[in-house]
Amino acid sequence: MAVEDFLIGLPGVTAVHDVHIWAMSTTETALTAHLVKQDARDDDAIIADAPRALHEQFGIEHTTLQWERDPDARSPRVGS
């Protein structure tokens, strides 16, 4: 899925799961996702920039991202 590929490509993100995308109305789409990162570096910048990019690239109006820390996460994982 293109949105999951976008999320796993964010700086420092090693895994993505619990990605949910749904229509809030006929004109608005929402997304929630858990992003796994090993450290907090760039968290604030990513939280500020990712929703704008998701809106521009995929038309997603409302984004909620949740960080998880997993120092042992080494390979990308995508899934729900």
PDB file of N, CA and C in Angstrom:
ATOM      1  N   MET A   1       0.846  -1.174   0.000  1.00  0.00           N
ATOM      2  CA  MET A   1       0.000   0.000   0.000  1.00  0.00           C
ATOM      3  C   MET A   1       0.894   1.240   0.000  1.00  0.00           C
ATOM      4  N   ALA A   2       0.563   2.197  -0.809  1.00  0.00           N
ATOM      5  CA  ALA A   2       1.401   3.387  -0.979  1.00  0.00           C
ATOM      6  C   ALA A   2       1.533   4.199   0.297  1.00  0.00           C
ATOM      7  N   VAL A   3       0.459   4.302   1.073  1.00  0.00           N
ATOM      8  CA  VAL A   3       0.523   5.082   2.320  1.00  0.00           C
ATOM      9  C   VAL A   3       1.473   4.410   3.305  1.00  0.00           C
ATOM     10  N   GLU A   4       1.400   3.098   3.431  1.00  0.00           N
ATOM     11  CA  GLU A   4       2.309   2.386   4.330  1.00  0.00           C
ATOM     12  C   GLU A   4       3.752   2.530   3.867  1.00  0.00           C
ATOM     13  N   ASP A   5       3.980   2.474   2.570  1.00  0.00           N
ATOM     14  CA  ASP A   5       5.326   2.678   2.036  1.00  0.00           C
ATOM     15  C   ASP A   5       5.835   4.074   2.381  1.00  0.00           C
ATOM     16  N   PHE A   6       4.963   5.072   2.274  1.00  0.00           N
ATOM     17  CA  PHE A   6       5.335   6.439   2.650  1.00  0.00           C
ATOM     18  C   PHE A   6       5.732   6.493   4.125  1.00  0.00           C
ATOM     19  N   LEU A   7       4.911   5.891   4.997  1.00  0.00           N
ATOM     20  CA  LEU A   7       5.176   5.951   6.439  1.00  0.00           C
ATOM     21  C   LEU A   7       6.471   5.238   6.812  1.00  0.00           C
ATOM     22  N   ILE A   8       6.726   4.073   6.228  1.00  0.00           N
ATOM     23  CA  ILE A   8       7.946   3.330   6.552  1.00  0.00           C
ATOM     24  C   ILE A   8       9.178   4.068   6.031  1.00  0.00           C
ATOM     25  N   GLY A   9       8.979   4.971   5.087  1.00  0.00           N
ATOM     26  CA  GLY A   9      10.084   5.752   4.548  1.00  0.00           C
ATOM     27  C   GLY A   9      10.403   7.011   5.333  1.00  0.00           C
ATOM     28  N   LEU A  10       9.630   7.301   6.374  1.00  0.00           N
ATOM     29  CA  LEU A  10       9.917   8.481   7.194  1.00  0.00           C
ATOM     30  C   LEU A  10      11.228   8.286   7.944  1.00  0.00           C
ATOM     31  N   PRO A  11      11.967   9.352   8.202  1.00  0.00           N
ATOM     32  CA  PRO A  11      13.281   9.236   8.845  1.00  0.00           C
ATOM     33  C   PRO A  11      13.229   8.487  10.179  1.00  0.00           C
ATOM     34  N   GLY A  12      14.022   7.437  10.280  1.00  0.00           N
ATOM     35  CA  GLY A  12      14.154   6.687  11.522  1.00  0.00           C
ATOM     36  C   GLY A  12      13.078   5.655  11.781  1.00  0.00           C
ATOM     37  N   VAL A  13      12.032   5.620  10.973  1.00  0.00           N
ATOM     38  CA  VAL A  13      10.943   4.668  11.194  1.00  0.00           C
ATOM     39  C   VAL A  13      11.404   3.286  10.747  1.00  0.00           C
ATOM     40  N   THR A  14      11.285   2.320  11.657  1.00  0.00           N
ATOM     41  CA  THR A  14      11.726   0.954  11.357  1.00  0.00           C
ATOM     42  C   THR A  14      10.567  -0.006  11.146  1.00  0.00           C
ATOM     43  N   ALA A  15       9.364   0.390  11.554  1.00  0.00           N
ATOM     44  CA  ALA A  15       8.196  -0.465  11.376  1.00  0.00           C
ATOM     45  C   ALA A  15       6.929   0.382  11.455  1.00  0.00           C
ATOM     46  N   VAL A  16       5.889  -0.112  10.816  1.00  0.00           N
ATOM     47  CA  VAL A  16       4.587   0.545  10.814  1.00  0.00           C
ATOM     48  C   VAL A  16       3.541  -0.530  11.045  1.00  0.00           C
ATOM     49  N   HIS A  17       2.579  -0.252  11.923  1.00  0.00           N
ATOM     50  CA  HIS A  17       1.481  -1.203  12.107  1.00  0.00           C
ATOM     51  C   HIS A  17       0.231  -0.459  12.559  1.00  0.00           C
ATOM     52  N   ASP A  18      -0.858  -1.190  12.620  1.00  0.00           N
ATOM     53  CA  ASP A  18      -2.163  -0.631  12.990  1.00  0.00           C
ATOM     54  C   ASP A  18      -2.495   0.608  12.166  1.00  0.00           C
ATOM     55  N   VAL A  19      -2.289   0.507  10.862  1.00  0.00           N
ATOM     56  CA  VAL A  19      -2.634   1.593   9.952  1.00  0.00           C
ATOM     57  C   VAL A  19      -4.113   1.460   9.613  1.00  0.00           C
ATOM     58  N   HIS A  20      -4.856   2.527   9.884  1.00  0.00           N
ATOM     59  CA  HIS A  20      -6.289   2.543   9.593  1.00  0.00           C
ATOM     60  C   HIS A  20      -6.591   3.813   8.810  1.00  0.00           C
ATOM     61  N   ILE A  21      -7.257   3.652   7.685  1.00  0.00           N
ATOM     62  CA  ILE A  21      -7.653   4.783   6.852  1.00  0.00           C
ATOM     63  C   ILE A  21      -9.150   4.633   6.591  1.00  0.00           C
ATOM     64  N   TRP A  22      -9.895   5.718   6.801  1.00  0.00           N
ATOM     65  CA  TRP A  22     -11.338   5.648   6.592  1.00  0.00           C
ATOM     66  C   TRP A  22     -11.884   7.005   6.166  1.00  0.00           C
ATOM     67  N   ALA A  23     -13.042   6.954   5.534  1.00  0.00           N
ATOM     68  CA  ALA A  23     -13.727   8.172   5.117  1.00  0.00           C
ATOM     69  C   ALA A  23     -14.511   8.724   6.298  1.00  0.00           C
ATOM     70  N   MET A  24     -14.266   9.988   6.604  1.00  0.00           N
ATOM     71  CA  MET A  24     -15.040  10.664   7.647  1.00  0.00           C
ATOM     72  C   MET A  24     -16.311  11.261   7.043  1.00  0.00           C
ATOM     73  N   SER A  25     -16.234  11.570   5.769  1.00  0.00           N
ATOM     74  CA  SER A  25     -17.370  12.094   5.017  1.00  0.00           C
ATOM     75  C   SER A  25     -17.068  11.839   3.547  1.00  0.00           C
ATOM     76  N   THR A  26     -17.858  12.415   2.676  1.00  0.00           N
ATOM     77  CA  THR A  26     -17.597  12.225   1.245  1.00  0.00           C
ATOM     78  C   THR A  26     -16.388  13.013   0.764  1.00  0.00           C
ATOM     79  N   THR A  27     -15.897  13.942   1.603  1.00  0.00           N
ATOM     80  CA  THR A  27     -14.767  14.774   1.188  1.00  0.00           C
ATOM     81  C   THR A  27     -13.568  14.717   2.118  1.00  0.00           C
ATOM     82  N   GLU A  28     -13.674  14.028   3.243  1.00  0.00           N
ATOM     83  CA  GLU A  28     -12.572  13.996   4.201  1.00  0.00           C
ATOM     84  C   GLU A  28     -12.193  12.559   4.553  1.00  0.00           C
ATOM     85  N   THR A  29     -10.876  12.325   4.589  1.00  0.00           N
ATOM     86  CA  THR A  29     -10.321  11.016   4.925  1.00  0.00           C
ATOM     87  C   THR A  29      -9.440  11.158   6.155  1.00  0.00           C
ATOM     88  N   ALA A  30      -9.449  10.129   7.002  1.00  0.00           N
ATOM     89  CA  ALA A  30      -8.641  10.130   8.222  1.00  0.00           C
ATOM     90  C   ALA A  30      -7.683   8.937   8.212  1.00  0.00           C
ATOM     91  N   LEU A  31      -6.591   9.092   8.961  1.00  0.00           N
ATOM     92  CA  LEU A  31      -5.599   8.031   9.089  1.00  0.00           C
ATOM     93  C   LEU A  31      -5.101   7.987  10.528  1.00  0.00           C
ATOM     94  N   THR A  32      -4.949   6.788  11.050  1.00  0.00           N
ATOM     95  CA  THR A  32      -4.206   6.582  12.292  1.00  0.00           C
ATOM     96  C   THR A  32      -3.171   5.493  12.027  1.00  0.00           C
ATOM     97  N   ALA A  33      -2.021   5.594  12.689  1.00  0.00           N
ATOM     98  CA  ALA A  33      -0.965   4.601  12.497  1.00  0.00           C
ATOM     99  C   ALA A  33      -0.005   4.619  13.669  1.00  0.00           C
ATOM    100  N   HIS A  34       0.594   3.479  13.934  1.00  0.00           N
ATOM    101  CA  HIS A  34       1.669   3.355  14.919  1.00  0.00           C
ATOM    102  C   HIS A  34       2.983   3.264  14.149  1.00  0.00           C
ATOM    103  N   LEU A  35       3.911   4.133  14.521  1.00  0.00           N
ATOM    104  CA  LEU A  35       5.230   4.157  13.891  1.00  0.00           C
ATOM    105  C   LEU A  35       6.274   3.765  14.927  1.00  0.00           C
ATOM    106  N   VAL A  36       7.127   2.841  14.578  1.00  0.00           N
ATOM    107  CA  VAL A  36       8.181   2.385  15.478  1.00  0.00           C
ATOM    108  C   VAL A  36       9.479   3.078  15.102  1.00  0.00           C
ATOM    109  N   LYS A  37      10.093   3.708  16.098  1.00  0.00           N
ATOM    110  CA  LYS A  37      11.406   4.346  15.935  1.00  0.00           C
ATOM    111  C   LYS A  37      12.266   3.951  17.125  1.00  0.00           C
ATOM    112  N   GLN A  38      13.550   3.883  16.904  1.00  0.00           N
ATOM    113  CA  GLN A  38      14.454   3.507  17.979  1.00  0.00           C
ATOM    114  C   GLN A  38      14.721   4.652  18.942  1.00  0.00           C
ATOM    115  N   ASP A  39      14.636   5.895  18.466  1.00  0.00           N
ATOM    116  CA  ASP A  39      14.908   7.029  19.350  1.00  0.00           C
ATOM    117  C   ASP A  39      13.988   8.192  18.989  1.00  0.00           C
ATOM    118  N   ALA A  40      14.039   9.242  19.773  1.00  0.00           N
ATOM    119  CA  ALA A  40      13.128  10.379  19.609  1.00  0.00           C
ATOM    120  C   ALA A  40      13.644  11.442  18.635  1.00  0.00           C
ATOM    121  N   ARG A  41      14.797  11.206  18.057  1.00  0.00           N
ATOM    122  CA  ARG A  41      15.360  12.182  17.123  1.00  0.00           C
ATOM    123  C   ARG A  41      14.366  12.464  15.993  1.00  0.00           C
ATOM    124  N   ASP A  42      14.136  13.725  15.698  1.00  0.00           N
ATOM    125  CA  ASP A  42      13.273  14.188  14.611  1.00  0.00           C
ATOM    126  C   ASP A  42      11.783  13.932  14.822  1.00  0.00           C
ATOM    127  N   ASP A  43      11.369  13.469  16.003  1.00  0.00           N
ATOM    128  CA  ASP A  43       9.947  13.195  16.233  1.00  0.00           C
ATOM    129  C   ASP A  43       9.073  14.408  15.938  1.00  0.00           C
ATOM    130  N   ASP A  44       9.425  15.563  16.495  1.00  0.00           N
ATOM    131  CA  ASP A  44       8.597  16.750  16.321  1.00  0.00           C
ATOM    132  C   ASP A  44       8.525  17.175  14.862  1.00  0.00           C
ATOM    133  N   ALA A  45       9.619  17.123  14.165  1.00  0.00           N
ATOM    134  CA  ALA A  45       9.633  17.511  12.753  1.00  0.00           C
ATOM    135  C   ALA A  45       8.782  16.554  11.918  1.00  0.00           C
ATOM    136  N   ILE A  46       8.875  15.267  12.203  1.00  0.00           N
ATOM    137  CA  ILE A  46       8.092  14.286  11.463  1.00  0.00           C
ATOM    138  C   ILE A  46       6.605  14.475  11.728  1.00  0.00           C
ATOM    139  N   ILE A  47       6.247  14.692  12.984  1.00  0.00           N
ATOM    140  CA  ILE A  47       4.830  14.902  13.332  1.00  0.00           C
ATOM    141  C   ILE A  47       4.293  16.153  12.651  1.00  0.00           C
ATOM    142  N   ALA A  48       5.121  17.150  12.456  1.00  0.00           N
ATOM    143  CA  ALA A  48       4.688  18.376  11.776  1.00  0.00           C
ATOM    144  C   ALA A  48       4.618  18.182  10.258  1.00  0.00           C
ATOM    145  N   ASP A  49       5.581  17.472   9.689  1.00  0.00           N
ATOM    146  CA  ASP A  49       5.687  17.367   8.233  1.00  0.00           C
ATOM    147  C   ASP A  49       4.855  16.237   7.622  1.00  0.00           C
ATOM    148  N   ALA A  50       4.755  15.110   8.295  1.00  0.00           N
ATOM    149  CA  ALA A  50       4.065  13.948   7.721  1.00  0.00           C
ATOM    150  C   ALA A  50       2.604  14.228   7.387  1.00  0.00           C
ATOM    151  N   PRO A  51       1.826  14.871   8.263  1.00  0.00           N
ATOM    152  CA  PRO A  51       0.425  15.135   7.899  1.00  0.00           C
ATOM    153  C   PRO A  51       0.285  16.013   6.652  1.00  0.00           C
ATOM    154  N   ARG A  52       1.166  16.984   6.500  1.00  0.00           N
ATOM    155  CA  ARG A  52       1.122  17.831   5.288  1.00  0.00           C
ATOM    156  C   ARG A  52       1.395  16.990   4.041  1.00  0.00           C
ATOM    157  N   ALA A  53       2.406  16.146   4.121  1.00  0.00           N
ATOM    158  CA  ALA A  53       2.752  15.301   2.977  1.00  0.00           C
ATOM    159  C   ALA A  53       1.644  14.288   2.681  1.00  0.00           C
ATOM    160  N   LEU A  54       1.050  13.708   3.722  1.00  0.00           N
ATOM    161  CA  LEU A  54      -0.054  12.771   3.520  1.00  0.00           C
ATOM    162  C   LEU A  54      -1.244  13.468   2.860  1.00  0.00           C
ATOM    163  N   HIS A  55      -1.478  14.707   3.238  1.00  0.00           N
ATOM    164  CA  HIS A  55      -2.560  15.470   2.618  1.00  0.00           C
ATOM    165  C   HIS A  55      -2.247  15.749   1.148  1.00  0.00           C
ATOM    166  N   GLU A  56      -1.039  16.199   0.874  1.00  0.00           N
ATOM    167  CA  GLU A  56      -0.657  16.539  -0.501  1.00  0.00           C
ATOM    168  C   GLU A  56      -0.619  15.315  -1.418  1.00  0.00           C
ATOM    169  N   GLN A  57      -0.079  14.201  -0.905  1.00  0.00           N
ATOM    170  CA  GLN A  57       0.114  13.026  -1.756  1.00  0.00           C
ATOM    171  C   GLN A  57      -1.102  12.114  -1.840  1.00  0.00           C
ATOM    172  N   PHE A  58      -1.893  12.060  -0.736  1.00  0.00           N
ATOM    173  CA  PHE A  58      -2.972  11.076  -0.687  1.00  0.00           C
ATOM    174  C   PHE A  58      -4.349  11.673  -0.362  1.00  0.00           C
ATOM    175  N   GLY A  59      -4.406  12.969  -0.125  1.00  0.00           N
ATOM    176  CA  GLY A  59      -5.683  13.603   0.187  1.00  0.00           C
ATOM    177  C   GLY A  59      -6.209  13.290   1.567  1.00  0.00           C
ATOM    178  N   ILE A  60      -5.340  12.891   2.479  1.00  0.00           N
ATOM    179  CA  ILE A  60      -5.757  12.566   3.847  1.00  0.00           C
ATOM    180  C   ILE A  60      -5.827  13.855   4.652  1.00  0.00           C
ATOM    181  N   GLU A  61      -6.999  14.148   5.181  1.00  0.00           N
ATOM    182  CA  GLU A  61      -7.250  15.409   5.886  1.00  0.00           C
ATOM    183  C   GLU A  61      -6.862  15.369   7.364  1.00  0.00           C
ATOM    184  N   HIS A  62      -7.073  14.245   8.011  1.00  0.00           N
ATOM    185  CA  HIS A  62      -6.863  14.140   9.461  1.00  0.00           C
ATOM    186  C   HIS A  62      -5.914  12.979   9.739  1.00  0.00           C
ATOM    187  N   THR A  63      -4.795  13.280  10.388  1.00  0.00           N
ATOM    188  CA  THR A  63      -3.767  12.269  10.648  1.00  0.00           C
ATOM    189  C   THR A  63      -3.448  12.201  12.130  1.00  0.00           C
ATOM    190  N   THR A  64      -3.427  10.989  12.664  1.00  0.00           N
ATOM    191  CA  THR A  64      -2.967  10.757  14.027  1.00  0.00           C
ATOM    192  C   THR A  64      -1.871   9.692  13.973  1.00  0.00           C
ATOM    193  N   LEU A  65      -0.672  10.072  14.408  1.00  0.00           N
ATOM    194  CA  LEU A  65       0.467   9.145  14.423  1.00  0.00           C
ATOM    195  C   LEU A  65       0.883   8.900  15.861  1.00  0.00           C
ATOM    196  N   GLN A  66       1.145   7.656  16.184  1.00  0.00           N
ATOM    197  CA  GLN A  66       1.583   7.285  17.533  1.00  0.00           C
ATOM    198  C   GLN A  66       2.963   6.657  17.444  1.00  0.00           C
ATOM    199  N   TRP A  67       3.880   7.161  18.265  1.00  0.00           N
ATOM    200  CA  TRP A  67       5.229   6.604  18.316  1.00  0.00           C
ATOM    201  C   TRP A  67       5.279   5.396  19.231  1.00  0.00           C
ATOM    202  N   GLU A  68       6.114   4.456  18.868  1.00  0.00           N
ATOM    203  CA  GLU A  68       6.485   3.351  19.738  1.00  0.00           C
ATOM    204  C   GLU A  68       7.999   3.233  19.669  1.00  0.00           C
ATOM    205  N   ARG A  69       8.621   2.940  20.776  1.00  0.00           N
ATOM    206  CA  ARG A  69      10.070   2.768  20.823  1.00  0.00           C
ATOM    207  C   ARG A  69      10.388   1.283  20.874  1.00  0.00           C
ATOM    208  N   ASP A  70      11.226   0.866  19.963  1.00  0.00           N
ATOM    209  CA  ASP A  70      11.658  -0.532  19.922  1.00  0.00           C
ATOM    210  C   ASP A  70      13.129  -0.552  19.535  1.00  0.00           C
ATOM    211  N   PRO A  71      14.003  -0.555  20.521  1.00  0.00           N
ATOM    212  CA  PRO A  71      15.439  -0.534  20.208  1.00  0.00           C
ATOM    213  C   PRO A  71      15.914  -1.758  19.454  1.00  0.00           C
ATOM    214  N   ASP A  72      15.103  -2.826  19.425  1.00  0.00           N
ATOM    215  CA  ASP A  72      15.498  -4.034  18.725  1.00  0.00           C
ATOM    216  C   ASP A  72      14.923  -4.120  17.316  1.00  0.00           C
ATOM    217  N   ALA A  73      14.101  -3.149  16.913  1.00  0.00           N
ATOM    218  CA  ALA A  73      13.511  -3.179  15.576  1.00  0.00           C
ATOM    219  C   ALA A  73      14.601  -2.927  14.553  1.00  0.00           C
ATOM    220  N   ARG A  74      14.863  -3.891  13.710  1.00  0.00           N
ATOM    221  CA  ARG A  74      15.951  -3.766  12.740  1.00  0.00           C
ATOM    222  C   ARG A  74      15.456  -3.792  11.302  1.00  0.00           C
ATOM    223  N   SER A  75      14.366  -4.495  11.027  1.00  0.00           N
ATOM    224  CA  SER A  75      13.906  -4.587   9.645  1.00  0.00           C
ATOM    225  C   SER A  75      12.499  -3.998   9.531  1.00  0.00           C
ATOM    226  N   PRO A  76      12.188  -3.421   8.386  1.00  0.00           N
ATOM    227  CA  PRO A  76      10.863  -2.816   8.218  1.00  0.00           C
ATOM    228  C   PRO A  76       9.762  -3.855   8.364  1.00  0.00           C
ATOM    229  N   ARG A  77       8.715  -3.449   9.044  1.00  0.00           N
ATOM    230  CA  ARG A  77       7.543  -4.305   9.195  1.00  0.00           C
ATOM    231  C   ARG A  77       6.337  -3.444   8.886  1.00  0.00           C
ATOM    232  N   VAL A  78       5.489  -3.930   8.035  1.00  0.00           N
ATOM    233  CA  VAL A  78       4.262  -3.223   7.699  1.00  0.00           C
ATOM    234  C   VAL A  78       3.125  -4.199   7.911  1.00  0.00           C
ATOM    235  N   GLY A  79       2.063  -3.733   8.512  1.00  0.00           N
ATOM    236  CA  GLY A  79       0.903  -4.594   8.702  1.00  0.00           C
ATOM    237  C   GLY A  79      -0.009  -4.056   9.750  1.00  0.00           C
ATOM    238  N   SER A  80      -1.161  -4.732   9.894  1.00  0.00           N
ATOM    239  CA  SER A  80      -2.110  -4.254  10.902  1.00  0.00           C
ATOM    240  C   SER A  80      -2.325  -5.253  11.997  1.00  0.00           C
TER     241      SER A  80
END
